[in-house]
């Protein structure tokens, strides 16, 4: 079964979260309205203001699935549509032009779940915000900073980077004409104390030269601090990772 035709969005189906205790195997289920997302930002456990245990899960997601019928974004993310200068995503699949950073809060003591949508902290408004990456030392822990790739499908698939402060609800971005970065990867500075003390790395395809380069950004400011030539062309790809030498 092709991935583009084998999975469909069902807006009339609820979304369920099952949380299983590693200590005793107890399962707690939470129900939310229909929801569609792919890549988790982070999840962690915390105590709320009255001392109850909560599980928090953050995702980039399309704003709403209401009105979607038998659609799958993989049917649209193909060579024919990506290279068609007259194809409009906002016309044919407007849902994929509105993204939200969504937080699910699961109260393990009351069994209640709540949802919080962050304000859109980017411009233009109608872009895809996806492929999140955080400081690996904060996975599974409370955190503030997340890095994303941005994708403006109706502007010749222009791409950029976005850094979001999930605690202060602010952001900064990076983009350059005809530069196409893929998923950003965070590498912490050895001995770093701040969560965002390090660098962000990503291959960047230059449409003017037809070549690829490895860009290195300061993770605090998204200022470019190094550009490394690569001997091969790196086409658009999805995922990357950073593995420290001692690991």
C-alpha atoms as a PDB file:
ATOM      1  CA  UNK A   1       0.000   0.000   0.000  1.00  0.00           C
ATOM      2  CA  UNK A   2       1.395   3.373  -0.947  1.00  0.00           C
ATOM      3  CA  UNK A   3       1.702   5.760   1.988  1.00  0.00           C
ATOM      4  CA  UNK A   4      -0.163   8.435   0.071  1.00  0.00           C
ATOM      5  CA  UNK A   5      -3.289   6.308  -0.356  1.00  0.00           C
ATOM      6  CA  UNK A   6      -3.082   3.998   2.656  1.00  0.00           C
ATOM      7  CA  UNK A   7      -3.665   6.606   5.384  1.00  0.00           C
ATOM      8  CA  UNK A   8      -6.467   9.125   5.502  1.00  0.00           C
ATOM      9  CA  UNK A   9      -7.458  11.869   7.930  1.00  0.00           C
ATOM     10  CA  UNK A  10     -10.796  11.151   9.615  1.00  0.00           C
ATOM     11  CA  UNK A  11     -12.143  14.381  11.158  1.00  0.00           C
ATOM     12  CA  UNK A  12     -15.069  12.515  12.732  1.00  0.00           C
ATOM     13  CA  UNK A  13     -12.787  10.236  14.783  1.00  0.00           C
ATOM     14  CA  UNK A  14     -11.613  11.151  18.269  1.00  0.00           C
ATOM     15  CA  UNK A  15      -7.956  11.239  19.309  1.00  0.00           C
ATOM     16  CA  UNK A  16      -6.925   9.027  22.223  1.00  0.00           C
ATOM     17  CA  UNK A  17      -3.842   9.146  24.432  1.00  0.00           C
ATOM     18  CA  UNK A  18      -2.967   6.038  26.455  1.00  0.00           C
ATOM     19  CA  UNK A  19      -0.529   6.606  29.320  1.00  0.00           C
ATOM     20  CA  UNK A  20       0.903   3.403  30.789  1.00  0.00           C
ATOM     21  CA  UNK A  21       2.692   3.358  34.146  1.00  0.00           C
ATOM     22  CA  UNK A  22       6.126   1.743  33.970  1.00  0.00           C
ATOM     23  CA  UNK A  23       5.797   0.903  37.652  1.00  0.00           C
ATOM     24  CA  UNK A  24       2.592  -1.161  37.672  1.00  0.00           C
ATOM     25  CA  UNK A  25       1.343  -1.271  34.073  1.00  0.00           C
ATOM     26  CA  UNK A  26      -1.806   0.741  34.825  1.00  0.00           C
ATOM     27  CA  UNK A  27      -3.266   2.385  31.720  1.00  0.00           C
ATOM     28  CA  UNK A  28      -5.040   5.745  31.752  1.00  0.00           C
ATOM     29  CA  UNK A  29      -6.816   6.892  28.594  1.00  0.00           C
ATOM     30  CA  UNK A  30      -7.562  10.481  27.579  1.00  0.00           C
ATOM     31  CA  UNK A  31      -9.915  11.541  24.768  1.00  0.00           C
ATOM     32  CA  UNK A  32      -9.594  14.685  22.635  1.00  0.00           C
ATOM     33  CA  UNK A  33     -11.257  15.933  19.447  1.00  0.00           C
ATOM     34  CA  UNK A  34      -9.860  14.758  16.128  1.00  0.00           C
ATOM     35  CA  UNK A  35      -6.264  15.867  15.656  1.00  0.00           C
ATOM     36  CA  UNK A  36      -3.525  15.399  13.072  1.00  0.00           C
ATOM     37  CA  UNK A  37       0.213  15.734  13.617  1.00  0.00           C
ATOM     38  CA  UNK A  38       3.393  13.856  12.810  1.00  0.00           C
ATOM     39  CA  UNK A  39       6.447  14.833  14.830  1.00  0.00           C
ATOM     40  CA  UNK A  40       6.447  15.345  18.586  1.00  0.00           C
ATOM     41  CA  UNK A  41       8.406  18.277  20.019  1.00  0.00           C
ATOM     42  CA  UNK A  42       8.815  16.977  23.549  1.00  0.00           C
ATOM     43  CA  UNK A  43       6.931  15.420  26.450  1.00  0.00           C
ATOM     44  CA  UNK A  44       7.551  15.558  30.180  1.00  0.00           C
ATOM     45  CA  UNK A  45       6.014  15.056  33.606  1.00  0.00           C
ATOM     46  CA  UNK A  46       5.367  17.904  36.028  1.00  0.00           C
ATOM     47  CA  UNK A  47       3.407  18.923  39.101  1.00  0.00           C
ATOM     48  CA  UNK A  48       0.663  21.515  38.637  1.00  0.00           C
ATOM     49  CA  UNK A  49      -0.143  24.378  40.996  1.00  0.00           C
ATOM     50  CA  UNK A  50      -2.044  22.083  43.381  1.00  0.00           C
ATOM     51  CA  UNK A  51       0.575  19.338  43.351  1.00  0.00           C
ATOM     52  CA  UNK A  52      -1.108  16.949  40.912  1.00  0.00           C
ATOM     53  CA  UNK A  53       0.977  14.985  38.418  1.00  0.00           C
ATOM     54  CA  UNK A  54       0.543  15.975  34.781  1.00  0.00           C
ATOM     55  CA  UNK A  55       1.988  14.609  31.543  1.00  0.00           C
ATOM     56  CA  UNK A  56       2.610  17.354  28.979  1.00  0.00           C
ATOM     57  CA  UNK A  57       2.961  16.634  25.237  1.00  0.00           C
ATOM     58  CA  UNK A  58       3.794  19.281  22.611  1.00  0.00           C
ATOM     59  CA  UNK A  59       3.240  18.937  18.859  1.00  0.00           C
ATOM     60  CA  UNK A  60       3.265  21.071  15.726  1.00  0.00           C
ATOM     61  CA  UNK A  61      -0.077  20.365  14.064  1.00  0.00           C
ATOM     62  CA  UNK A  62      -2.382  21.621  11.385  1.00  0.00           C
ATOM     63  CA  UNK A  63      -4.812  24.044  12.988  1.00  0.00           C
ATOM     64  CA  UNK A  64      -7.949  21.998  12.398  1.00  0.00           C
ATOM     65  CA  UNK A  65      -9.033  18.850  10.581  1.00  0.00           C
ATOM     66  CA  UNK A  66     -12.611  20.060  10.257  1.00  0.00           C
ATOM     67  CA  UNK A  67     -13.790  19.814   6.672  1.00  0.00           C
ATOM     68  CA  UNK A  68     -11.085  17.378   5.563  1.00  0.00           C
ATOM     69  CA  UNK A  69     -12.500  14.417   3.675  1.00  0.00           C
ATOM     70  CA  UNK A  70     -10.401  11.476   2.478  1.00  0.00           C
ATOM     71  CA  UNK A  71      -7.269  13.596   2.252  1.00  0.00           C
ATOM     72  CA  UNK A  72      -3.671  12.765   2.987  1.00  0.00           C
ATOM     73  CA  UNK A  73      -0.875  15.316   2.776  1.00  0.00           C
ATOM     74  CA  UNK A  74       1.445  12.716   1.250  1.00  0.00           C
ATOM     75  CA  UNK A  75      -0.722  12.765  -1.851  1.00  0.00           C
ATOM     76  CA  UNK A  76       0.155  16.439  -2.272  1.00  0.00           C
ATOM     77  CA  UNK A  77       3.821  16.342  -1.244  1.00  0.00           C
ATOM     78  CA  UNK A  78       4.976  14.765  -4.478  1.00  0.00           C
ATOM     79  CA  UNK A  79       7.161  15.842  -7.358  1.00  0.00           C
ATOM     80  CA  UNK A  80       4.256  16.865  -9.557  1.00  0.00           C
ATOM     81  CA  UNK A  81       2.757  19.346  -7.115  1.00  0.00           C
ATOM     82  CA  UNK A  82       6.052  20.561  -5.640  1.00  0.00           C
ATOM     83  CA  UNK A  83       7.361  21.531  -9.086  1.00  0.00           C
ATOM     84  CA  UNK A  84       4.103  22.917 -10.488  1.00  0.00           C
ATOM     85  CA  UNK A  85       4.360  26.754 -10.332  1.00  0.00           C
ATOM     86  CA  UNK A  86       0.594  27.069 -10.710  1.00  0.00           C
ATOM     87  CA  UNK A  87      -0.406  24.669  -7.952  1.00  0.00           C
ATOM     88  CA  UNK A  88      -1.895  26.361  -4.883  1.00  0.00           C
ATOM     89  CA  UNK A  89      -1.896  24.529  -1.583  1.00  0.00           C
ATOM     90  CA  UNK A  90      -4.189  27.147  -0.062  1.00  0.00           C
ATOM     91  CA  UNK A  91      -6.680  26.391  -2.830  1.00  0.00           C
ATOM     92  CA  UNK A  92      -6.442  22.594  -2.911  1.00  0.00           C
ATOM     93  CA  UNK A  93      -5.481  21.816   0.697  1.00  0.00           C
ATOM     94  CA  UNK A  94      -5.873  24.980   2.801  1.00  0.00           C
ATOM     95  CA  UNK A  95      -5.621  23.034   6.063  1.00  0.00           C
ATOM     96  CA  UNK A  96      -1.937  22.508   5.418  1.00  0.00           C
ATOM     97  CA  UNK A  97      -1.310  26.237   5.273  1.00  0.00           C
ATOM     98  CA  UNK A  98      -2.345  26.829   8.893  1.00  0.00           C
ATOM     99  CA  UNK A  99      -0.117  25.333  11.570  1.00  0.00           C
ATOM    100  CA  UNK A 100      -0.352  25.569  15.347  1.00  0.00           C
ATOM    101  CA  UNK A 101       1.915  24.506  18.195  1.00  0.00           C
ATOM    102  CA  UNK A 102      -0.431  22.478  20.406  1.00  0.00           C
ATOM    103  CA  UNK A 103       0.069  21.364  24.003  1.00  0.00           C
ATOM    104  CA  UNK A 104      -1.862  18.461  25.527  1.00  0.00           C
ATOM    105  CA  UNK A 105      -1.965  18.341  29.321  1.00  0.00           C
ATOM    106  CA  UNK A 106      -2.957  14.987  30.848  1.00  0.00           C
ATOM    107  CA  UNK A 107      -3.837  15.080  34.551  1.00  0.00           C
ATOM    108  CA  UNK A 108      -2.913  11.656  35.895  1.00  0.00           C
ATOM    109  CA  UNK A 109      -4.883  12.106  39.106  1.00  0.00           C
ATOM    110  CA  UNK A 110      -8.187  13.436  37.793  1.00  0.00           C
ATOM    111  CA  UNK A 111      -8.094  11.661  34.408  1.00  0.00           C
ATOM    112  CA  UNK A 112      -8.923  14.936  32.686  1.00  0.00           C
ATOM    113  CA  UNK A 113      -7.149  16.251  29.622  1.00  0.00           C
ATOM    114  CA  UNK A 114      -6.864  19.834  28.423  1.00  0.00           C
ATOM    115  CA  UNK A 115      -5.508  21.397  25.244  1.00  0.00           C
ATOM    116  CA  UNK A 116      -3.668  24.682  24.734  1.00  0.00           C
ATOM    117  CA  UNK A 117      -2.884  26.233  21.353  1.00  0.00           C
ATOM    118  CA  UNK A 118       0.084  28.591  21.318  1.00  0.00           C
ATOM    119  CA  UNK A 119      -0.297  31.841  19.363  1.00  0.00           C
ATOM    120  CA  UNK A 120       1.283  31.816  15.924  1.00  0.00           C
ATOM    121  CA  UNK A 121       4.705  33.318  16.466  1.00  0.00           C
ATOM    122  CA  UNK A 122       5.757  33.577  12.827  1.00  0.00           C
ATOM    123  CA  UNK A 123       5.140  35.519   9.648  1.00  0.00           C
ATOM    124  CA  UNK A 124       3.688  35.022   7.131  1.00  0.00           C
ATOM    125  CA  UNK A 125       0.862  33.293   8.906  1.00  0.00           C
ATOM    126  CA  UNK A 126       0.158  30.643   6.261  1.00  0.00           C
ATOM    127  CA  UNK A 127       3.268  28.471   6.421  1.00  0.00           C
ATOM    128  CA  UNK A 128       4.062  24.960   7.548  1.00  0.00           C
ATOM    129  CA  UNK A 129       6.011  24.755  10.818  1.00  0.00           C
ATOM    130  CA  UNK A 130       7.358  21.248  11.274  1.00  0.00           C
ATOM    131  CA  UNK A 131      10.341  18.954  11.941  1.00  0.00           C
ATOM    132  CA  UNK A 132      10.994  20.072  15.528  1.00  0.00           C
ATOM    133  CA  UNK A 133      14.308  19.543  17.315  1.00  0.00           C
ATOM    134  CA  UNK A 134      15.313  20.416  20.882  1.00  0.00           C
ATOM    135  CA  UNK A 135      18.391  20.136  23.064  1.00  0.00           C
ATOM    136  CA  UNK A 136      18.691  16.359  23.563  1.00  0.00           C
ATOM    137  CA  UNK A 137      19.604  16.917  27.220  1.00  0.00           C
ATOM    138  CA  UNK A 138      16.052  18.191  27.789  1.00  0.00           C
ATOM    139  CA  UNK A 139      14.141  15.330  26.175  1.00  0.00           C
ATOM    140  CA  UNK A 140      11.553  14.100  28.631  1.00  0.00           C
ATOM    141  CA  UNK A 141      12.120  17.140  30.849  1.00  0.00           C
ATOM    142  CA  UNK A 142      10.584  20.616  31.138  1.00  0.00           C
ATOM    143  CA  UNK A 143      12.113  22.797  28.425  1.00  0.00           C
ATOM    144  CA  UNK A 144      11.723  26.135  26.666  1.00  0.00           C
ATOM    145  CA  UNK A 145      13.408  26.120  23.240  1.00  0.00           C
ATOM    146  CA  UNK A 146      12.430  24.303  20.068  1.00  0.00           C
ATOM    147  CA  UNK A 147      13.803  24.645  16.528  1.00  0.00           C
ATOM    148  CA  UNK A 148      11.730  24.064  13.389  1.00  0.00           C
ATOM    149  CA  UNK A 149      11.920  24.056   9.632  1.00  0.00           C
ATOM    150  CA  UNK A 150       9.423  26.412   7.991  1.00  0.00           C
ATOM    151  CA  UNK A 151       7.947  25.755   4.572  1.00  0.00           C
ATOM    152  CA  UNK A 152       5.933  28.212   2.491  1.00  0.00           C
ATOM    153  CA  UNK A 153       4.386  25.925  -0.115  1.00  0.00           C
ATOM    154  CA  UNK A 154       2.782  28.709  -2.110  1.00  0.00           C
ATOM    155  CA  UNK A 155       5.974  30.771  -2.361  1.00  0.00           C
ATOM    156  CA  UNK A 156       7.905  28.296  -4.506  1.00  0.00           C
ATOM    157  CA  UNK A 157       8.324  26.101  -1.405  1.00  0.00           C
ATOM    158  CA  UNK A 158      10.526  28.692   0.296  1.00  0.00           C
ATOM    159  CA  UNK A 159      12.126  27.244   3.431  1.00  0.00           C
ATOM    160  CA  UNK A 160      13.645  28.671   6.579  1.00  0.00           C
ATOM    161  CA  UNK A 161      14.338  28.017  10.247  1.00  0.00           C
ATOM    162  CA  UNK A 162      12.389  29.060  13.323  1.00  0.00           C
ATOM    163  CA  UNK A 163      13.388  29.137  16.986  1.00  0.00           C
ATOM    164  CA  UNK A 164      10.466  29.251  19.423  1.00  0.00           C
ATOM    165  CA  UNK A 165      10.644  30.046  23.122  1.00  0.00           C
ATOM    166  CA  UNK A 166       7.761  27.912  24.399  1.00  0.00           C
ATOM    167  CA  UNK A 167       7.982  29.525  27.851  1.00  0.00           C
ATOM    168  CA  UNK A 168       7.869  33.202  26.839  1.00  0.00           C
ATOM    169  CA  UNK A 169       5.921  32.615  23.612  1.00  0.00           C
ATOM    170  CA  UNK A 170       8.395  34.469  21.397  1.00  0.00           C
ATOM    171  CA  UNK A 171      10.333  33.461  18.298  1.00  0.00           C
ATOM    172  CA  UNK A 172      13.099  34.396  15.886  1.00  0.00           C
ATOM    173  CA  UNK A 173      13.640  33.116  12.361  1.00  0.00           C
ATOM    174  CA  UNK A 174      16.151  32.742   9.549  1.00  0.00           C
ATOM    175  CA  UNK A 175      15.578  32.625   5.800  1.00  0.00           C
ATOM    176  CA  UNK A 176      17.438  33.576   2.650  1.00  0.00           C
ATOM    177  CA  UNK A 177      16.217  33.714  -0.932  1.00  0.00           C
ATOM    178  CA  UNK A 178      16.792  30.457  -2.821  1.00  0.00           C
ATOM    179  CA  UNK A 179      18.288  28.752   0.261  1.00  0.00           C
ATOM    180  CA  UNK A 180      16.557  25.534   1.296  1.00  0.00           C
ATOM    181  CA  UNK A 181      17.507  24.194   4.752  1.00  0.00           C
ATOM    182  CA  UNK A 182      16.162  20.876   5.988  1.00  0.00           C
ATOM    183  CA  UNK A 183      15.388  19.744   9.536  1.00  0.00           C
ATOM    184  CA  UNK A 184      17.613  21.654  11.991  1.00  0.00           C
ATOM    185  CA  UNK A 185      19.684  19.693  14.500  1.00  0.00           C
ATOM    186  CA  UNK A 186      20.804  21.141  17.837  1.00  0.00           C
ATOM    187  CA  UNK A 187      24.274  20.404  19.263  1.00  0.00           C
ATOM    188  CA  UNK A 188      24.987  21.635  22.785  1.00  0.00           C
ATOM    189  CA  UNK A 189      28.240  23.405  23.540  1.00  0.00           C
ATOM    190  CA  UNK A 190      30.466  21.245  25.792  1.00  0.00           C
ATOM    191  CA  UNK A 191      29.975  22.407  29.360  1.00  0.00           C
ATOM    192  CA  UNK A 192      26.955  24.544  28.456  1.00  0.00           C
ATOM    193  CA  UNK A 193      24.724  25.799  31.269  1.00  0.00           C
ATOM    194  CA  UNK A 194      21.972  27.446  29.219  1.00  0.00           C
ATOM    195  CA  UNK A 195      19.462  25.289  27.377  1.00  0.00           C
ATOM    196  CA  UNK A 196      20.111  27.091  24.074  1.00  0.00           C
ATOM    197  CA  UNK A 197      23.896  27.362  24.407  1.00  0.00           C
ATOM    198  CA  UNK A 198      25.150  25.545  21.334  1.00  0.00           C
ATOM    199  CA  UNK A 199      24.758  25.470  17.581  1.00  0.00           C
ATOM    200  CA  UNK A 200      22.115  24.480  15.068  1.00  0.00           C
ATOM    201  CA  UNK A 201      23.199  22.542  11.990  1.00  0.00           C
ATOM    202  CA  UNK A 202      21.450  21.739   8.713  1.00  0.00           C
ATOM    203  CA  UNK A 203      22.360  21.020   5.087  1.00  0.00           C
ATOM    204  CA  UNK A 204      21.232  23.904   2.895  1.00  0.00           C
ATOM    205  CA  UNK A 205      20.636  23.546  -0.836  1.00  0.00           C
ATOM    206  CA  UNK A 206      21.452  26.676  -2.843  1.00  0.00           C
ATOM    207  CA  UNK A 207      19.112  26.910  -5.847  1.00  0.00           C
ATOM    208  CA  UNK A 208      21.316  29.563  -7.480  1.00  0.00           C
ATOM    209  CA  UNK A 209      24.441  27.410  -7.577  1.00  0.00           C
ATOM    210  CA  UNK A 210      22.896  23.932  -7.510  1.00  0.00           C
ATOM    211  CA  UNK A 211      25.208  23.008  -4.621  1.00  0.00           C
ATOM    212  CA  UNK A 212      24.763  22.082  -0.966  1.00  0.00           C
ATOM    213  CA  UNK A 213      26.522  23.466   2.080  1.00  0.00           C
ATOM    214  CA  UNK A 214      26.407  22.670   5.781  1.00  0.00           C
ATOM    215  CA  UNK A 215      25.289  25.748   7.710  1.00  0.00           C
ATOM    216  CA  UNK A 216      26.093  26.301  11.369  1.00  0.00           C
ATOM    217  CA  UNK A 217      23.985  28.820  13.295  1.00  0.00           C
ATOM    218  CA  UNK A 218      24.422  30.216  16.791  1.00  0.00           C
ATOM    219  CA  UNK A 219      21.538  28.530  18.626  1.00  0.00           C
ATOM    220  CA  UNK A 220      20.778  31.637  20.683  1.00  0.00           C
ATOM    221  CA  UNK A 221      20.518  34.179  17.862  1.00  0.00           C
ATOM    222  CA  UNK A 222      20.267  32.080  14.647  1.00  0.00           C
ATOM    223  CA  UNK A 223      23.188  34.061  13.251  1.00  0.00           C
ATOM    224  CA  UNK A 224      25.258  32.080  10.758  1.00  0.00           C
ATOM    225  CA  UNK A 225      28.696  31.409  12.235  1.00  0.00           C
ATOM    226  CA  UNK A 226      30.076  28.912   9.687  1.00  0.00           C
ATOM    227  CA  UNK A 227      29.364  27.514   6.221  1.00  0.00           C
ATOM    228  CA  UNK A 228      31.051  24.262   5.194  1.00  0.00           C
ATOM    229  CA  UNK A 229      31.245  23.187   1.568  1.00  0.00           C
ATOM    230  CA  UNK A 230      30.039  19.665   0.851  1.00  0.00           C
ATOM    231  CA  UNK A 231      31.452  17.484  -1.944  1.00  0.00           C
ATOM    232  CA  UNK A 232      27.993  16.222  -2.936  1.00  0.00           C
ATOM    233  CA  UNK A 233      24.549  17.662  -3.462  1.00  0.00           C
ATOM    234  CA  UNK A 234      22.269  16.879  -0.531  1.00  0.00           C
ATOM    235  CA  UNK A 235      18.672  16.778  -1.798  1.00  0.00           C
ATOM    236  CA  UNK A 236      15.713  17.656   0.362  1.00  0.00           C
ATOM    237  CA  UNK A 237      15.475  15.094   3.140  1.00  0.00           C
ATOM    238  CA  UNK A 238      13.528  14.709   6.359  1.00  0.00           C
ATOM    239  CA  UNK A 239      15.428  13.841   9.507  1.00  0.00           C
ATOM    240  CA  UNK A 240      18.858  14.261  11.044  1.00  0.00           C
ATOM    241  CA  UNK A 241      20.540  13.760  14.385  1.00  0.00           C
ATOM    242  CA  UNK A 242      23.593  14.822  16.342  1.00  0.00           C
ATOM    243  CA  UNK A 243      25.671  12.260  18.222  1.00  0.00           C
ATOM    244  CA  UNK A 244      28.443  13.596  20.498  1.00  0.00           C
ATOM    245  CA  UNK A 245      31.846  11.975  20.005  1.00  0.00           C
ATOM    246  CA  UNK A 246      31.822  10.386  23.470  1.00  0.00           C
ATOM    247  CA  UNK A 247      28.613   8.539  22.630  1.00  0.00           C
END
